[in-house]
Amino acid sequence: MGSLLKRSLFSALLAVLAHSALALSWQEGWELVAKAQTGDAQAARALIEAYNQGDAEAGAAIGVLYLNGITYPRDLAKARSYLE
């Protein structure tokens, strides 16, 4: 992974951590990521719904799913978009 992308991902994660009014807690978001990566479509839908309601944590989680290429096909542009 290029250093520019790594810096962008790190900056996005810091921004998410700094956001105090998240609809999902840090733990809830990443638990949904783990479930989505096992094929749990309901977990993926929950992340998308939270993101559509303005939850930055859910956006970062969806970005990780695109980055990992497990739940969704690997797409670095989409990953970066959600992480930013």
N, C-alpha and C. Protein backbone atom coordinates (compact mmCIF):
# COMPACT_ATOMS: atom_id res chain seq x y z
N MET A 1 0.86 -1.16 0.00
CA MET A 1 0.00 0.00 0.00
C MET A 1 0.91 1.22 0.00
N GLY A 2 0.61 2.21 -0.84
CA GLY A 2 1.43 3.40 -0.95
C GLY A 2 1.36 4.26 0.30
N SER A 3 2.43 5.03 0.51
CA SER A 3 2.49 5.84 1.72
C SER A 3 1.41 6.92 1.74
N LEU A 4 1.03 7.45 0.58
CA LEU A 4 -0.04 8.46 0.54
C LEU A 4 -1.36 7.85 0.99
N LEU A 5 -1.66 6.64 0.53
CA LEU A 5 -2.89 5.97 0.94
C LEU A 5 -2.84 5.64 2.42
N LYS A 6 -1.68 5.19 2.92
CA LYS A 6 -1.55 4.90 4.35
C LYS A 6 -1.79 6.14 5.18
N ARG A 7 -1.23 7.27 4.76
CA ARG A 7 -1.44 8.52 5.50
C ARG A 7 -2.90 8.93 5.45
N SER A 8 -3.54 8.75 4.30
CA SER A 8 -4.96 9.09 4.17
C SER A 8 -5.81 8.21 5.08
N LEU A 9 -5.51 6.92 5.10
CA LEU A 9 -6.27 6.00 5.95
C LEU A 9 -6.07 6.35 7.42
N PHE A 10 -4.84 6.64 7.80
CA PHE A 10 -4.54 7.00 9.19
C PHE A 10 -5.26 8.29 9.57
N SER A 11 -5.24 9.27 8.69
CA SER A 11 -5.92 10.54 8.96
C SER A 11 -7.43 10.34 9.10
N ALA A 12 -7.98 9.50 8.25
CA ALA A 12 -9.42 9.24 8.32
C ALA A 12 -9.79 8.54 9.62
N LEU A 13 -8.98 7.57 10.03
CA LEU A 13 -9.27 6.88 11.27
C LEU A 13 -9.13 7.80 12.47
N LEU A 14 -8.16 8.70 12.44
CA LEU A 14 -8.03 9.68 13.53
C LEU A 14 -9.25 10.58 13.59
N ALA A 15 -9.74 10.99 12.43
CA ALA A 15 -10.92 11.85 12.40
C ALA A 15 -12.13 11.13 12.98
N VAL A 16 -12.25 9.86 12.67
CA VAL A 16 -13.36 9.07 13.21
C VAL A 16 -13.24 8.96 14.73
N LEU A 17 -12.03 8.72 15.21
CA LEU A 17 -11.83 8.61 16.65
C LEU A 17 -12.16 9.92 17.36
N ALA A 18 -11.88 11.02 16.73
CA ALA A 18 -12.11 12.33 17.34
C ALA A 18 -13.59 12.71 17.34
N HIS A 19 -14.38 12.08 16.50
CA HIS A 19 -15.81 12.39 16.39
C HIS A 19 -16.52 11.85 17.62
N SER A 20 -17.17 12.71 18.39
CA SER A 20 -17.73 12.28 19.66
C SER A 20 -19.19 11.84 19.60
N ALA A 21 -19.92 12.18 18.56
CA ALA A 21 -21.35 11.86 18.51
C ALA A 21 -21.63 10.78 17.47
N LEU A 22 -21.11 9.61 17.70
CA LEU A 22 -21.28 8.51 16.74
C LEU A 22 -22.55 7.74 17.05
N ALA A 23 -23.26 7.34 16.01
CA ALA A 23 -24.44 6.51 16.19
C ALA A 23 -24.03 5.11 16.64
N LEU A 24 -22.91 4.61 16.12
CA LEU A 24 -22.37 3.32 16.54
C LEU A 24 -21.15 3.57 17.41
N SER A 25 -20.98 2.79 18.44
CA SER A 25 -19.75 2.90 19.22
C SER A 25 -18.62 2.29 18.39
N TRP A 26 -17.42 2.58 18.80
CA TRP A 26 -16.23 2.02 18.12
C TRP A 26 -16.36 0.50 18.06
N GLN A 27 -16.68 -0.11 19.19
CA GLN A 27 -16.78 -1.56 19.25
C GLN A 27 -17.91 -2.09 18.38
N GLU A 28 -19.07 -1.44 18.41
CA GLU A 28 -20.21 -1.89 17.60
C GLU A 28 -19.88 -1.87 16.11
N GLY A 29 -19.23 -0.80 15.68
CA GLY A 29 -18.88 -0.68 14.27
C GLY A 29 -17.96 -1.78 13.80
N TRP A 30 -16.93 -2.06 14.60
CA TRP A 30 -15.96 -3.06 14.18
C TRP A 30 -16.49 -4.48 14.36
N GLU A 31 -17.43 -4.68 15.31
CA GLU A 31 -18.09 -5.98 15.40
C GLU A 31 -18.94 -6.23 14.15
N LEU A 32 -19.59 -5.17 13.65
CA LEU A 32 -20.36 -5.31 12.41
C LEU A 32 -19.45 -5.61 11.23
N VAL A 33 -18.26 -5.02 11.21
CA VAL A 33 -17.28 -5.32 10.15
C VAL A 33 -16.94 -6.81 10.19
N ALA A 34 -16.63 -7.31 11.38
CA ALA A 34 -16.27 -8.73 11.51
C ALA A 34 -17.41 -9.63 11.04
N LYS A 35 -18.64 -9.29 11.41
CA LYS A 35 -19.78 -10.09 10.97
C LYS A 35 -19.98 -9.99 9.46
N ALA A 36 -19.85 -8.79 8.91
CA ALA A 36 -20.02 -8.60 7.47
C ALA A 36 -18.98 -9.41 6.70
N GLN A 37 -17.78 -9.49 7.25
CA GLN A 37 -16.72 -10.24 6.56
C GLN A 37 -16.97 -11.74 6.56
N THR A 38 -17.86 -12.20 7.44
CA THR A 38 -18.21 -13.63 7.43
C THR A 38 -19.42 -13.90 6.55
N GLY A 39 -19.94 -12.85 5.90
CA GLY A 39 -21.06 -13.02 5.00
C GLY A 39 -22.40 -12.60 5.58
N ASP A 40 -22.40 -11.97 6.75
CA ASP A 40 -23.63 -11.53 7.39
C ASP A 40 -24.15 -10.27 6.67
N ALA A 41 -25.13 -10.47 5.78
CA ALA A 41 -25.67 -9.36 4.99
C ALA A 41 -26.37 -8.34 5.87
N GLN A 42 -26.97 -8.77 6.96
CA GLN A 42 -27.66 -7.85 7.87
C GLN A 42 -26.66 -6.88 8.51
N ALA A 43 -25.48 -7.36 8.85
CA ALA A 43 -24.45 -6.49 9.42
C ALA A 43 -24.00 -5.45 8.40
N ALA A 44 -23.80 -5.88 7.16
CA ALA A 44 -23.40 -4.94 6.10
C ALA A 44 -24.49 -3.89 5.89
N ARG A 45 -25.75 -4.31 5.89
CA ARG A 45 -26.85 -3.36 5.74
C ARG A 45 -26.91 -2.38 6.91
N ALA A 46 -26.63 -2.86 8.12
CA ALA A 46 -26.64 -1.99 9.30
C ALA A 46 -25.56 -0.91 9.17
N LEU A 47 -24.40 -1.28 8.66
CA LEU A 47 -23.33 -0.29 8.45
C LEU A 47 -23.73 0.74 7.41
N ILE A 48 -24.32 0.28 6.32
CA ILE A 48 -24.74 1.19 5.26
C ILE A 48 -25.83 2.13 5.77
N GLU A 49 -26.77 1.60 6.52
CA GLU A 49 -27.84 2.43 7.07
C GLU A 49 -27.27 3.50 8.01
N ALA A 50 -26.37 3.10 8.89
CA ALA A 50 -25.75 4.06 9.81
C ALA A 50 -24.97 5.12 9.04
N TYR A 51 -24.26 4.70 8.01
CA TYR A 51 -23.49 5.65 7.19
C TYR A 51 -24.43 6.65 6.52
N ASN A 52 -25.52 6.15 5.96
CA ASN A 52 -26.49 7.03 5.29
C ASN A 52 -27.13 8.02 6.24
N GLN A 53 -27.10 7.71 7.53
CA GLN A 53 -27.64 8.62 8.54
C GLN A 53 -26.55 9.53 9.12
N GLY A 54 -25.36 9.51 8.50
CA GLY A 54 -24.30 10.44 8.88
C GLY A 54 -23.29 9.92 9.88
N ASP A 55 -23.24 8.62 10.11
CA ASP A 55 -22.32 8.04 11.07
C ASP A 55 -20.94 7.85 10.44
N ALA A 56 -19.98 8.65 10.89
CA ALA A 56 -18.62 8.58 10.34
C ALA A 56 -17.95 7.25 10.65
N GLU A 57 -18.23 6.68 11.80
CA GLU A 57 -17.67 5.38 12.18
C GLU A 57 -18.09 4.30 11.18
N ALA A 58 -19.34 4.32 10.79
CA ALA A 58 -19.84 3.35 9.82
C ALA A 58 -19.16 3.55 8.47
N GLY A 59 -18.91 4.81 8.10
CA GLY A 59 -18.20 5.08 6.85
C GLY A 59 -16.81 4.49 6.86
N ALA A 60 -16.11 4.65 7.98
CA ALA A 60 -14.76 4.07 8.10
C ALA A 60 -14.83 2.55 8.02
N ALA A 61 -15.85 1.97 8.65
CA ALA A 61 -16.01 0.51 8.63
C ALA A 61 -16.26 0.01 7.21
N ILE A 62 -17.11 0.70 6.47
CA ILE A 62 -17.37 0.32 5.07
C ILE A 62 -16.09 0.46 4.25
N GLY A 63 -15.33 1.51 4.51
CA GLY A 63 -14.05 1.69 3.83
C GLY A 63 -13.13 0.52 4.05
N VAL A 64 -13.09 0.01 5.27
CA VAL A 64 -12.25 -1.15 5.58
C VAL A 64 -12.75 -2.38 4.82
N LEU A 65 -14.06 -2.52 4.70
CA LEU A 65 -14.59 -3.66 3.94
C LEU A 65 -14.14 -3.60 2.48
N TYR A 66 -14.17 -2.41 1.89
CA TYR A 66 -13.69 -2.27 0.51
C TYR A 66 -12.18 -2.47 0.43
N LEU A 67 -11.47 -2.03 1.43
CA LEU A 67 -10.01 -2.18 1.45
C LEU A 67 -9.62 -3.65 1.55
N ASN A 68 -10.32 -4.40 2.39
CA ASN A 68 -10.00 -5.81 2.59
C ASN A 68 -10.44 -6.69 1.42
N GLY A 69 -11.50 -6.27 0.73
CA GLY A 69 -11.96 -7.04 -0.42
C GLY A 69 -12.61 -8.36 -0.06
N ILE A 70 -13.16 -8.44 1.14
CA ILE A 70 -13.81 -9.69 1.55
C ILE A 70 -15.32 -9.59 1.33
N THR A 71 -15.95 -8.62 1.92
CA THR A 71 -17.40 -8.44 1.80
C THR A 71 -17.77 -7.88 0.43
N TYR A 72 -16.99 -6.89 0.00
CA TYR A 72 -17.17 -6.25 -1.30
C TYR A 72 -15.89 -6.48 -2.10
N PRO A 73 -15.97 -6.42 -3.43
CA PRO A 73 -14.73 -6.52 -4.21
C PRO A 73 -13.75 -5.42 -3.79
N ARG A 74 -12.48 -5.75 -3.71
CA ARG A 74 -11.48 -4.76 -3.29
C ARG A 74 -11.50 -3.58 -4.25
N ASP A 75 -11.65 -2.41 -3.68
CA ASP A 75 -11.73 -1.18 -4.46
C ASP A 75 -11.09 -0.07 -3.63
N LEU A 76 -9.84 0.25 -3.94
CA LEU A 76 -9.11 1.24 -3.14
C LEU A 76 -9.70 2.64 -3.24
N ALA A 77 -10.26 2.98 -4.40
CA ALA A 77 -10.87 4.30 -4.55
C ALA A 77 -12.10 4.43 -3.65
N LYS A 78 -12.95 3.40 -3.63
CA LYS A 78 -14.12 3.43 -2.77
C LYS A 78 -13.70 3.40 -1.30
N ALA A 79 -12.70 2.59 -0.98
CA ALA A 79 -12.21 2.52 0.40
C ALA A 79 -11.78 3.91 0.87
N ARG A 80 -10.99 4.56 0.07
CA ARG A 80 -10.50 5.89 0.43
C ARG A 80 -11.66 6.88 0.57
N SER A 81 -12.62 6.81 -0.34
CA SER A 81 -13.76 7.69 -0.30
C SER A 81 -14.53 7.55 1.02
N TYR A 82 -14.80 6.31 1.42
CA TYR A 82 -15.53 6.10 2.67
C TYR A 82 -14.68 6.48 3.87
N LEU A 83 -13.39 6.21 3.82
CA LEU A 83 -12.53 6.53 4.96
C LEU A 83 -12.31 8.03 5.14
N GLU A 84 -12.43 8.76 4.05
CA GLU A 84 -12.27 10.21 4.17
C GLU A 84 -13.54 10.83 4.65
